[in-house]
Protein backbone atom coordinates (compact mmCIF):
# COMPACT_ATOMS: atom_id res chain seq x y z
CA MET A 1 23.10 42.33 51.93
CA THR A 2 23.78 45.37 54.04
CA PRO A 3 25.26 48.34 52.20
CA ASN A 4 27.40 50.28 54.61
CA ALA A 5 27.15 53.44 52.61
CA ALA A 6 25.89 56.96 52.72
CA THR A 7 22.78 56.39 50.66
CA SER A 8 21.34 59.75 49.72
CA ALA A 9 18.05 60.66 51.31
CA THR A 10 17.10 63.55 49.09
CA SER A 11 13.88 63.43 47.12
CA ALA A 12 15.40 65.00 44.04
CA PRO A 13 19.03 63.93 43.96
CA SER A 14 21.70 66.50 43.30
CA ARG A 15 24.58 65.44 41.08
CA ARG A 16 26.79 64.94 44.12
CA SER A 17 24.26 62.99 46.22
CA PHE A 18 23.28 60.85 43.26
CA LEU A 19 26.87 59.86 42.51
CA ALA A 20 27.64 59.27 46.18
CA SER A 21 24.61 57.09 46.55
CA THR A 22 25.32 55.22 43.33
CA ALA A 23 28.98 54.59 43.65
CA VAL A 24 29.37 54.08 47.36
CA ALA A 25 26.28 51.95 47.80
CA ALA A 26 27.18 49.95 44.74
CA ALA A 27 30.67 49.31 46.01
CA ALA A 28 29.37 48.14 49.35
CA VAL A 29 26.39 46.19 48.07
CA ALA A 30 28.01 44.52 45.12
CA GLY A 31 30.05 46.44 42.63
CA GLY A 32 28.49 49.69 41.73
CA MET A 33 29.89 54.91 39.88
CA PRO A 34 35.72 63.21 34.47
CA LEU A 35 40.75 64.43 32.24
CA LEU A 36 43.28 63.85 30.02
CA ALA A 37 45.57 66.23 28.57
CA ALA A 38 44.88 65.06 25.15
CA CYS A 39 46.49 62.12 23.52
CA GLY A 40 45.45 63.57 20.19
CA GLY A 41 46.96 67.02 20.41
CA SER A 42 44.36 69.05 22.30
CA ASP A 43 45.17 71.59 24.98
CA SER A 44 46.88 70.25 28.07
CA GLY A 45 47.44 71.26 31.68
CA SER A 46 45.19 74.09 32.79
CA GLY A 47 43.86 74.25 29.23
CA GLY A 48 42.06 70.94 29.69
CA GLY A 49 41.69 68.01 27.35
CA THR A 50 40.27 64.54 26.83
CA SER A 51 41.15 60.92 27.45
CA ALA A 52 39.94 59.70 24.09
CA GLY A 53 42.89 60.52 21.87
CA LYS A 54 44.03 58.29 19.06
CA ASN A 55 46.62 56.60 21.29
CA ALA A 56 44.15 55.82 24.07
CA LYS A 57 43.44 52.25 23.03
CA LYS A 58 47.05 51.16 23.40
CA LEU A 59 47.02 52.44 26.98
CA LEU A 60 44.07 50.29 28.03
CA PRO A 61 44.41 46.94 29.82
CA ALA A 62 43.41 43.77 28.04
CA TYR A 63 39.96 42.55 29.04
CA VAL A 64 39.78 38.97 30.31
CA ALA A 65 36.36 37.95 31.60
CA THR A 66 36.35 36.07 34.87
CA ASN A 67 35.26 32.44 34.83
CA VAL A 68 35.56 31.95 38.58
CA VAL A 69 31.86 32.61 39.19
CA THR A 70 28.90 32.60 36.80
CA PRO A 71 26.16 35.13 37.62
CA ASP A 72 22.51 34.05 37.68
CA ILE A 73 21.68 36.96 35.37
CA ALA A 74 24.25 38.04 32.82
CA ALA A 75 24.84 41.71 32.03
CA LYS A 76 22.77 43.05 29.13
CA ASN A 77 22.17 46.51 27.66
CA GLY A 78 24.64 48.06 30.11
CA SER A 79 23.15 46.46 33.23
CA ALA A 80 24.90 45.02 36.22
CA VAL A 81 25.23 41.26 36.56
CA GLY A 82 22.78 39.73 39.01
CA PHE A 83 22.85 36.99 41.63
CA THR A 84 19.57 35.61 42.93
CA SER A 85 20.75 32.47 44.73
CA LYS A 86 21.14 31.99 48.44
CA LEU A 87 24.70 32.28 49.66
CA ASP A 88 26.53 29.03 50.37
CA ILE A 89 29.70 29.78 52.29
CA ALA A 90 31.04 26.28 51.67
CA SER A 91 30.93 26.75 47.91
CA LEU A 92 32.65 30.14 47.73
CA LYS A 93 35.34 30.22 45.06
CA THR A 94 38.92 31.41 45.37
CA SER A 95 39.92 34.11 42.89
CA VAL A 96 43.31 34.98 44.41
CA PRO A 97 45.09 31.65 45.00
CA LYS A 98 48.27 33.21 46.42
CA LYS A 99 49.24 36.44 48.10
CA LEU A 100 50.55 38.99 45.64
CA GLY A 101 51.52 41.49 48.33
CA LYS A 102 55.13 41.53 49.49
CA GLY A 103 54.50 42.68 53.04
CA GLY A 104 55.10 46.39 52.58
CA LYS A 105 53.16 49.27 54.10
CA VAL A 106 50.67 51.24 52.00
CA SER A 107 48.89 54.37 53.24
CA ILE A 108 45.47 55.08 51.72
CA MET A 109 43.42 58.26 52.09
CA SER A 110 39.74 57.82 51.31
CA PRO A 111 36.38 59.48 51.99
CA PHE A 112 34.48 57.87 54.83
CA TRP A 113 30.85 58.22 55.86
CA GLY A 114 30.32 57.42 59.53
CA SER A 115 32.72 56.85 62.41
CA PRO A 116 36.00 55.21 61.31
CA PRO A 117 36.98 52.13 63.33
CA LYS A 118 40.28 51.80 65.15
CA GLY A 119 43.20 51.01 62.89
CA ASP A 120 43.98 47.65 64.53
CA ASN A 121 40.49 46.20 64.17
CA ALA A 122 39.83 42.58 63.20
CA TYR A 123 38.57 43.45 59.71
CA TYR A 124 41.65 45.41 58.70
CA LYS A 125 43.89 42.70 60.11
CA ALA A 126 42.11 39.93 58.19
CA MET A 127 42.19 41.87 54.90
CA ASN A 128 45.84 42.77 55.26
CA ASP A 129 46.73 39.17 56.02
CA LEU A 130 44.85 37.92 52.96
CA ILE A 131 46.47 40.50 50.66
CA GLY A 132 49.98 40.36 52.12
CA VAL A 133 50.12 44.15 52.54
CA ASP A 134 49.99 46.35 55.63
CA VAL A 135 47.33 48.88 54.58
CA GLN A 136 47.16 51.89 56.87
CA TRP A 137 43.96 53.86 56.44
CA GLN A 138 43.74 57.64 56.57
CA ASN A 139 39.95 57.94 56.54
CA GLN A 140 38.52 61.42 56.04
CA ASP A 141 34.99 62.74 56.48
CA GLY A 142 33.24 62.16 53.15
CA ASN A 143 31.01 65.20 53.61
CA THR A 144 33.96 67.60 53.71
CA TYR A 145 36.38 65.50 51.68
CA ASP A 146 36.92 68.10 48.97
CA GLN A 147 38.45 70.48 51.50
CA LYS A 148 40.86 67.88 52.87
CA LEU A 149 41.66 66.66 49.38
CA GLY A 150 42.65 70.10 48.17
CA ALA A 151 44.94 70.66 51.13
CA VAL A 152 46.65 67.27 50.82
CA LEU A 153 47.21 67.53 47.07
CA ALA A 154 48.65 71.01 47.49
CA SER A 155 51.24 69.67 49.92
CA SER A 156 54.35 67.62 49.33
CA ASP A 157 53.21 64.93 51.76
CA ILE A 158 50.78 62.73 49.83
CA PRO A 159 49.70 59.25 50.99
CA ASP A 160 50.66 56.31 48.80
CA VAL A 161 47.07 56.06 47.55
CA VAL A 162 44.38 58.72 47.35
CA VAL A 163 40.76 57.89 46.49
CA ILE A 164 39.00 60.64 44.52
CA PRO A 165 35.30 60.52 43.61
CA GLY A 166 34.25 62.19 40.38
CA TRP A 167 32.20 64.80 42.25
CA ASN A 168 35.38 65.99 43.99
CA MET A 169 37.22 66.63 40.72
CA GLY A 170 36.47 70.33 40.47
CA GLY A 171 38.81 73.30 40.56
CA LYS A 172 42.51 72.42 40.54
CA ILE A 173 42.03 68.73 41.37
CA PRO A 174 42.28 67.50 37.74
CA SER A 175 45.66 69.16 37.19
CA ALA A 176 46.80 67.81 40.56
CA ILE A 177 45.81 64.30 39.49
CA ILE A 178 47.96 64.64 36.39
CA GLY A 179 50.88 66.16 38.27
CA LYS A 180 50.89 64.13 41.47
CA PHE A 181 49.95 60.55 40.56
CA ALA A 182 51.77 57.68 38.89
CA ASP A 183 51.32 56.16 35.46
CA LEU A 184 50.06 52.60 36.03
CA GLY A 185 50.33 51.75 32.36
CA PRO A 186 53.64 49.83 32.66
CA TYR A 187 51.91 47.53 35.18
CA LEU A 188 48.43 47.27 33.65
CA SER A 189 48.28 48.22 29.96
CA GLY A 190 47.71 45.46 27.42
CA ASP A 191 48.56 41.97 28.61
CA ALA A 192 50.46 43.23 31.65
CA ILE A 193 47.21 43.23 33.60
CA LYS A 194 46.84 39.48 33.29
CA GLN A 195 48.93 38.96 36.42
CA TYR A 196 46.01 40.61 38.23
CA PRO A 197 43.04 38.55 36.96
CA ASN A 198 40.35 40.36 38.94
CA LEU A 199 41.51 43.71 37.58
CA ALA A 200 41.61 42.23 34.07
CA ALA A 201 37.90 41.42 34.42
CA ILE A 202 37.00 45.10 34.92
CA PRO A 203 35.22 46.35 31.77
CA THR A 204 37.29 48.33 29.28
CA ASP A 205 34.95 51.35 29.46
CA ALA A 206 35.78 51.77 33.14
CA TRP A 207 39.50 51.72 32.37
CA GLN A 208 39.08 54.35 29.66
CA ARG A 209 37.53 56.59 32.31
CA SER A 210 40.73 56.05 34.30
CA LEU A 211 42.94 57.79 31.75
CA PHE A 212 44.16 61.14 33.05
CA GLY A 213 46.72 63.34 31.33
CA GLY A 214 47.28 60.78 28.61
CA LYS A 215 48.25 58.09 31.12
CA LEU A 216 46.45 55.25 32.88
CA ARG A 217 46.43 56.65 36.42
CA GLY A 218 43.21 55.50 38.09
CA LEU A 219 41.94 52.24 39.55
CA PRO A 220 38.18 52.40 38.88
CA GLN A 221 34.93 51.41 40.48
CA PRO A 222 32.84 50.23 37.49
CA SER A 223 29.16 51.11 37.36
CA PRO A 224 26.33 50.36 34.94
CA TYR A 225 25.90 52.95 32.23
CA VAL A 226 22.13 52.65 32.59
CA THR A 227 20.66 55.52 34.59
CA GLY A 228 20.81 54.86 38.32
CA ILE A 229 17.74 56.91 39.22
CA VAL A 230 14.46 54.99 39.42
CA PRO A 231 10.91 56.28 39.97
CA LEU A 232 10.22 54.17 43.07
CA TYR A 233 6.63 53.57 44.18
CA ARG A 234 4.49 51.80 46.79
CA LYS A 235 3.36 48.78 44.80
CA ASP A 236 1.34 47.40 47.71
CA ILE A 237 -0.82 50.52 47.85
CA PHE A 238 -1.05 50.72 44.05
CA ASP A 239 -2.34 47.15 43.97
CA LYS A 240 -4.80 47.76 46.80
CA GLU A 241 -6.20 50.97 45.29
CA GLY A 242 -6.10 49.79 41.70
CA TYR A 243 -3.68 52.50 40.56
CA GLN A 244 -2.03 51.81 37.20
CA VAL A 245 1.64 52.53 36.54
CA PRO A 246 1.67 55.44 34.06
CA THR A 247 3.04 55.17 30.53
CA SER A 248 3.13 58.87 29.63
CA ALA A 249 3.58 62.28 31.22
CA ASP A 250 -0.17 62.96 30.98
CA GLU A 251 -1.00 59.63 32.62
CA PHE A 252 1.44 60.41 35.43
CA MET A 253 -0.23 63.77 36.00
CA ALA A 254 -3.69 62.16 36.05
CA LEU A 255 -2.48 59.48 38.48
CA CYS A 256 -1.10 62.15 40.80
CA LYS A 257 -4.49 63.88 40.81
CA GLU A 258 -6.17 60.57 41.69
CA ILE A 259 -3.77 59.83 44.54
CA THR A 260 -3.52 63.24 46.17
CA ASN A 261 -5.77 64.03 49.13
CA ALA A 262 -4.16 66.73 51.23
CA LYS A 263 -6.84 66.53 53.94
CA ALA A 264 -5.98 62.86 54.41
CA LYS A 265 -2.25 63.71 54.41
CA ARG A 266 -1.55 61.84 51.19
CA TRP A 267 0.30 63.33 48.26
CA ALA A 268 1.35 61.63 45.07
CA CYS A 269 5.08 62.21 45.00
CA LEU A 270 8.20 64.12 45.90
CA ASP A 271 10.14 66.28 43.44
CA MET A 272 10.12 64.33 40.14
CA LYS A 273 12.58 66.56 38.25
CA TRP A 274 15.00 63.74 37.53
CA THR A 275 12.23 61.50 36.20
CA ALA A 276 11.09 64.41 34.03
CA PHE A 277 14.58 64.73 32.56
CA GLN A 278 14.51 61.03 31.76
CA SER A 279 10.99 61.04 30.34
CA PHE A 280 11.63 64.03 28.07
CA GLY A 281 15.00 62.68 26.88
CA VAL A 282 17.19 65.39 28.39
CA LEU A 283 20.93 64.73 28.08
CA SER A 284 22.50 63.36 31.24
CA GLY A 285 23.64 66.00 33.68
CA SER A 286 25.42 63.93 36.33
CA GLU A 287 28.79 64.46 34.63
CA LYS A 288 29.56 67.55 32.57
CA PRO A 289 30.87 65.91 29.38
CA LEU A 290 27.68 63.87 29.08
CA GLY A 291 25.62 67.03 28.90
CA TRP A 292 27.07 67.67 25.43
CA ASN A 293 26.08 65.85 22.26
CA LEU A 294 26.55 66.25 18.54
CA VAL A 295 23.14 66.80 16.90
CA ASP A 296 22.96 67.24 13.12
CA GLY A 297 26.55 68.41 13.06
CA LYS A 298 26.13 70.95 15.87
CA LEU A 299 27.34 70.46 19.41
CA VAL A 300 24.48 71.10 21.85
CA TYR A 301 24.52 71.42 25.66
CA ARG A 302 21.60 70.02 27.64
CA ILE A 303 20.35 73.36 28.93
CA GLU A 304 19.91 74.63 25.37
CA THR A 305 17.38 71.98 24.40
CA GLN A 306 13.62 72.27 24.18
CA GLU A 307 13.34 68.96 26.07
CA TYR A 308 15.08 70.55 29.07
CA LEU A 309 12.54 73.36 29.28
CA GLU A 310 9.61 70.98 28.76
CA ALA A 311 10.83 68.74 31.58
CA LEU A 312 11.06 71.70 33.96
CA GLU A 313 7.61 72.95 32.97
CA TRP A 314 6.04 69.51 33.54
CA THR A 315 7.66 69.27 36.96
CA ARG A 316 6.48 72.81 37.78
CA LYS A 317 2.92 71.77 37.00
CA LEU A 318 3.17 68.88 39.49
CA PHE A 319 4.14 71.35 42.22
CA ALA A 320 1.60 73.97 41.17
CA ALA A 321 -1.24 71.42 41.24
CA GLY A 322 -0.41 70.45 44.82
CA TYR A 323 0.53 66.87 44.00
CA VAL A 324 4.00 67.12 45.59
CA HIS A 325 4.49 66.52 49.32
CA PRO A 326 4.83 69.84 51.20
CA ASP A 327 8.26 68.85 52.53
CA ALA A 328 9.60 68.83 48.97
CA LYS A 329 7.95 72.17 48.24
CA LEU A 330 9.75 73.69 51.22
CA GLY A 331 12.99 71.91 50.47
CA LYS A 332 12.90 69.90 53.68
CA SER A 333 13.17 66.59 51.88
CA ALA A 334 16.68 67.50 50.79
CA ALA A 335 17.84 67.42 54.40
CA THR A 336 15.77 64.61 55.85
CA ASP A 337 15.19 60.95 55.14
CA PRO A 338 11.97 60.47 53.12
CA GLY A 339 11.81 56.80 54.16
CA PRO A 340 9.48 57.11 57.18
CA LYS A 341 6.88 59.24 55.38
CA PHE A 342 7.08 57.00 52.33
CA ALA A 343 6.50 53.99 54.61
CA ALA A 344 3.58 55.81 56.25
CA GLY A 345 2.01 56.36 52.84
CA GLU A 346 2.18 60.17 52.96
CA PHE A 347 3.46 60.02 49.37
CA LEU A 348 3.61 57.05 47.00
CA ILE A 349 6.26 57.89 44.41
CA TYR A 350 9.76 59.35 44.53
CA ALA A 351 12.84 59.34 42.30
CA GLN A 352 16.02 58.08 43.88
CA ASN A 353 19.03 55.86 43.43
CA ILE A 354 18.28 52.23 42.57
CA SER A 355 20.01 51.10 45.78
CA GLN A 356 16.99 52.31 47.76
CA TRP A 357 14.81 49.68 46.08
CA TRP A 358 16.56 47.14 48.28
CA SER A 359 17.38 49.29 51.33
CA ARG A 360 13.76 50.45 51.81
CA THR A 361 12.59 46.84 51.40
CA ALA A 362 15.02 45.67 54.09
CA GLU A 363 14.04 48.51 56.45
CA GLN A 364 10.36 47.59 56.43
CA ALA A 365 10.59 43.79 56.15
CA THR A 366 9.86 43.01 59.80
CA GLN A 367 7.70 45.95 60.89
CA ASN A 368 5.48 46.22 57.81
CA PRO A 369 5.22 42.86 55.99
CA ASP A 370 2.69 44.20 53.45
CA TYR A 371 5.05 46.99 52.37
CA LYS A 372 6.34 46.62 48.81
CA ILE A 373 8.48 49.18 47.03
CA TRP A 374 9.00 48.72 43.31
CA GLY A 375 10.46 50.59 40.37
CA MET A 376 8.44 52.11 37.54
CA ASP A 377 9.73 51.78 34.02
CA ILE A 378 10.61 55.22 32.71
CA PHE A 379 7.98 56.33 30.22
CA GLY A 380 8.42 58.48 27.15
CA HIS A 381 6.62 61.74 27.85
CA ASP A 382 4.37 61.22 24.81
CA GLY A 383 3.57 57.61 25.63
CA GLY A 384 6.18 56.16 23.32
CA ALA A 385 9.55 54.65 24.15
CA PRO A 386 11.80 56.90 26.25
CA THR A 387 15.16 58.20 25.07
CA LEU A 388 17.61 57.69 27.90
CA TRP A 389 21.24 58.74 28.01
CA ALA A 390 24.10 56.64 29.32
CA GLU A 391 25.90 57.57 32.51
CA GLN A 392 29.65 57.25 32.77
CA PRO A 393 30.95 53.69 33.37
CA ALA A 394 33.04 54.64 36.44
CA GLY A 395 32.82 57.45 38.94
CA ILE A 396 35.31 56.84 41.78
CA PHE A 397 39.03 56.23 41.34
CA ALA A 398 42.07 55.35 43.44
CA PHE A 399 45.39 56.94 42.47
CA VAL A 400 48.95 56.01 43.42
CA SER A 401 51.45 58.70 44.33
CA LYS A 402 54.04 59.50 41.69
CA LYS A 403 56.63 59.19 44.45
CA ALA A 404 55.70 55.56 45.17
CA SER A 405 58.34 52.94 44.50
CA GLU A 406 57.67 49.98 42.22
CA SER A 407 57.28 47.73 45.27
CA VAL A 408 54.61 50.03 46.71
CA ILE A 409 52.78 50.15 43.37
CA ARG A 410 52.85 46.35 43.19
CA ASP A 411 51.46 46.15 46.72
CA VAL A 412 48.67 48.59 45.82
CA LEU A 413 47.77 46.45 42.81
CA ALA A 414 47.74 43.41 45.09
CA VAL A 415 45.18 45.22 47.26
CA ALA A 416 43.09 46.15 44.23
CA ASN A 417 43.18 42.62 42.84
CA VAL A 418 41.54 41.39 46.04
CA THR A 419 38.99 44.17 46.37
CA ALA A 420 37.96 43.65 42.72
CA ALA A 421 37.15 39.97 43.33
CA PRO A 422 33.71 39.00 42.00
CA TYR A 423 30.67 38.17 44.08
CA GLY A 424 30.64 34.51 45.08
CA THR A 425 34.32 34.41 46.05
CA LYS A 426 36.04 34.23 49.41
CA GLU A 427 37.82 37.50 48.67
CA TYR A 428 34.57 39.31 47.94
CA MET A 429 33.00 38.11 51.17
CA LEU A 430 35.96 39.19 53.24
CA THR A 431 36.14 42.58 51.51
CA ASN A 432 32.43 43.29 51.84
CA TYR A 433 31.47 41.38 55.00
CA GLY A 434 34.61 40.68 56.98
CA VAL A 435 35.25 37.48 58.93
CA GLU A 436 32.44 34.96 59.29
CA GLY A 437 31.40 34.59 62.91
CA THR A 438 33.06 37.86 63.85
CA HIS A 439 31.61 40.37 61.42
CA TYR A 440 28.69 38.43 60.00
CA THR A 441 26.71 35.25 60.35
CA VAL A 442 24.87 33.25 57.70
CA LYS A 443 21.39 31.86 58.24
CA ASN A 444 19.32 30.27 55.48
CA GLY A 445 21.79 31.51 52.90
CA VAL A 446 21.56 35.15 54.02
CA PRO A 447 24.62 36.92 55.49
CA THR A 448 23.85 39.37 58.29
CA LYS A 449 26.30 41.80 59.81
CA THR A 450 26.97 41.63 63.52
CA ASP A 451 27.35 44.81 65.55
CA GLN A 452 31.11 44.47 65.16
CA GLY A 453 30.66 44.06 61.42
CA ASN A 454 28.54 47.19 61.20
CA ASN A 455 31.20 49.11 63.10
CA GLU A 456 34.27 47.81 61.27
CA VAL A 457 33.34 46.65 57.75
CA ILE A 458 32.39 50.00 56.25
CA ASN A 459 33.62 51.89 53.19
CA ALA A 460 37.33 51.16 53.36
CA TYR A 461 38.75 48.47 51.05
CA VAL A 462 35.74 48.68 48.73
CA MET A 463 36.99 52.15 47.76
CA VAL A 464 40.21 50.92 46.13
CA ALA A 465 38.77 49.03 43.14
CA SER A 466 35.62 47.03 42.50
CA PRO A 467 34.46 44.15 40.32
CA THR A 468 32.16 44.63 37.38
CA ALA A 469 28.88 46.19 38.54
CA THR A 470 26.92 43.57 40.46
CA ILE A 471 23.56 43.35 42.20
CA ALA A 472 23.06 40.59 44.76
CA HIS A 473 20.62 40.46 47.67
CA PRO A 474 20.40 36.94 49.12
CA ASP A 475 17.79 38.21 51.61
CA PHE A 476 15.54 39.59 48.85
CA PRO A 477 16.48 37.82 45.61
CA GLU A 478 13.27 38.99 43.94
CA VAL A 479 14.46 42.57 44.38
CA ALA A 480 17.88 41.79 42.92
CA LYS A 481 16.21 40.14 39.92
CA ALA A 482 13.83 43.08 39.46
CA GLN A 483 16.64 45.64 39.70
CA VAL A 484 18.78 43.95 37.04
CA GLU A 485 15.79 43.38 34.76
CA TRP A 486 14.79 47.04 35.17
CA GLN A 487 18.28 48.08 34.12
CA GLN A 488 18.13 45.77 31.12
CA ARG A 489 14.76 47.11 29.99
CA MET A 490 15.88 50.72 30.41
CA GLY A 491 19.22 49.91 28.82
CA ALA A 492 17.40 48.96 25.62
CA PHE A 493 16.35 52.64 25.32
CA THR A 494 19.72 54.07 26.37
CA LYS A 495 22.00 55.93 23.98
CA LYS A 496 25.61 56.95 24.41
CA SER A 497 26.31 60.62 23.82
CA SER A 498 29.35 61.95 22.00
CA PHE A 499 31.51 62.09 25.14
CA TYR A 500 30.51 58.79 26.74
CA GLY A 501 33.41 57.13 28.53
CA MET A 502 35.71 60.09 28.08
CA GLN A 503 37.55 61.72 30.93
CA ILE A 504 37.32 65.47 30.32
CA THR A 505 39.14 68.33 31.95
CA GLU A 506 37.55 71.62 30.97
CA PRO A 507 39.80 74.69 30.83
CA SER A 508 39.83 76.35 34.24
CA ARG A 509 38.17 79.51 32.91
CA TYR A 510 34.97 77.51 32.36
CA THR A 511 35.01 75.62 35.66
CA ASN A 512 32.13 77.49 37.33
CA LEU A 513 30.19 78.45 34.23
CA SER A 514 27.26 76.07 34.84
CA ASN A 515 27.24 76.10 38.64
CA ASP A 516 23.98 77.98 39.16
CA PHE A 517 21.69 75.95 36.91
CA GLU A 518 20.76 73.27 39.43
CA GLN A 519 19.51 75.84 41.92
CA LEU A 520 17.63 77.69 39.18
CA GLU A 521 15.98 74.42 38.13
CA ASP A 522 14.75 73.88 41.67
CA ASP A 523 13.48 77.45 41.92
CA ILE A 524 11.55 77.10 38.66
CA VAL A 525 9.82 73.83 39.49
CA ARG A 526 8.77 75.27 42.87
CA GLY A 527 7.34 78.38 41.26
CA ARG A 528 9.91 80.80 42.63
CA LYS A 529 11.29 81.53 39.16
CA LYS A 530 9.86 81.31 35.64
CA ILE A 531 10.84 79.37 32.52
CA SER A 532 11.76 82.74 31.01
CA ASP A 533 14.37 83.10 33.79
CA MET A 534 15.99 79.89 32.58
CA GLN A 535 15.92 81.10 28.98
CA GLN A 536 17.68 84.27 30.08
CA ALA A 537 20.21 82.27 32.10
CA VAL A 538 20.98 80.14 29.04
CA SER A 539 21.46 83.26 26.95
CA ASP A 540 23.81 84.66 29.60
CA TRP A 541 25.66 81.33 29.74
CA LYS A 542 26.28 81.47 25.99
CA SER A 543 27.63 85.01 26.08
CA LYS A 544 29.75 84.48 29.20
CA GLY A 545 31.64 81.54 27.73
CA GLY A 546 29.18 78.82 26.74
CA ASP A 547 29.67 79.36 23.03
CA GLN A 548 33.44 79.38 23.48
CA LEU A 549 33.21 76.20 25.50
CA ARG A 550 31.17 74.65 22.71
CA ASP A 551 33.98 75.47 20.26
CA TRP A 552 36.47 73.91 22.65
CA TYR A 553 34.46 70.68 22.91
CA LYS A 554 33.96 70.64 19.14
CA LYS A 555 37.71 70.81 18.66
CA LEU A 556 38.11 67.80 20.93
CA LEU A 557 35.63 65.86 18.82
CA ASP A 558 37.29 66.89 15.58
CA GLU A 559 40.69 65.77 16.83
CA ASN A 560 39.76 62.65 18.77
CA GLY A 561 36.47 61.46 17.37
CA SER A 562 33.12 60.87 19.03
CA ALA A 563 32.46 58.05 21.47
CA THR A 564 29.61 57.00 19.20
CA SER A 565 31.47 57.13 15.89
């Protein structure tokens, strides 16, 4: 399957690039990636709050699993579902037997990576005809979306639907979400959702992440809660050279020494900071609330932990020993695609979004038949089982304007009910591939986009709502199987922190408090700064508001309870 998405090419993913890669690629490939003024009496508005109040459960839609299609691999331990069969167009199921749209017009603003197609293209026409709604797209450059988003939400002229990724929810966006967008609860809470069966099959955790300001406002893109970042490696070269996949931090270091030969232009890896965080059990940092956890009665932030410092020191040693490709040392890998040098064998390991397991395989399939990329299991730093932390179960949301009429809201839900159709249905194929013969062809059970498909069927309708997280690659079913099984193995070691699944709006005075830590991390691992600089930064963070923020989060837990209690 061809993901028409902006898959990140950085060697050490930033929070933004990781989420973009995860959520967008997942939506395009097959399913999958934080604000509620409190329901339980916490601060509201600019004071922030949480979506996990005592009344939250009554706001959530009923969950009704789909029985239209049965996956080849069921979800387990927070994984996606998997499909490993060839695609048979003749046996595709129908999940939306009649049009739910009433023929109205719906404007949708969404981030877009690439060149948007003309508004009257064959893909848009086919989707609108299937849904019974005239969707008019207002695609905006995904790379500068936050700027456009802020301007639009500050105006009085808001499209009927606005898609907002989690990484664009900084600054005043959370309060704008609460003030500008409609409560979908009357249409979706409880059994009301059953008139939209594909939406009813979206996992409850994803809906909880869609609670903003004490109301159900978002239509989510579900994602696995298992970490999406995999230590990817050249299995073909490992097998040829007899390299063993490491099972501890020391073994990884020794392997890097064995691999690296700078004179021969071969280095072991790129920046492995994210793998280090995983190996040392550092709390997740891809969404702020997940960086907090209750430990022995005290609320602790990730940067305060010994594991955080140990992970940075281990990564620093990789750089200092010369095992990391020079591009990563200079920061070049953050701006260029590591794929060609990985394919050339200049380095053999890098940490990146799980979607690249398939995309790199597909890239090299014809030109380098011996090439085999695979995913390492994450090792505990001491050789034992790792302690991994769950990611949030949804990361991109579509919101409906508060000014929208009931008929417009119903038409939006009709759109979402089609775009959330499961893999193996006619609706899924049209949403993700377009019209057979026009946008894609099928040969030996493998759908392949045509040039027209690559130009027209790209990140539009998939941004409205998605089915439960799904992995399906009819062209490389062994990769799909391996990806899901990797998630299931890692999911067995995954814990949910105190704020898992919660939608948090921090008070505005704390918005930028942690902004500089990612850059400081990168400076430390590259030897430009010292661990003592991080210790000082943490001390400064505490005195400048970190301790107050801790008290604020603790109050939320006291009033609303922990996600793990």
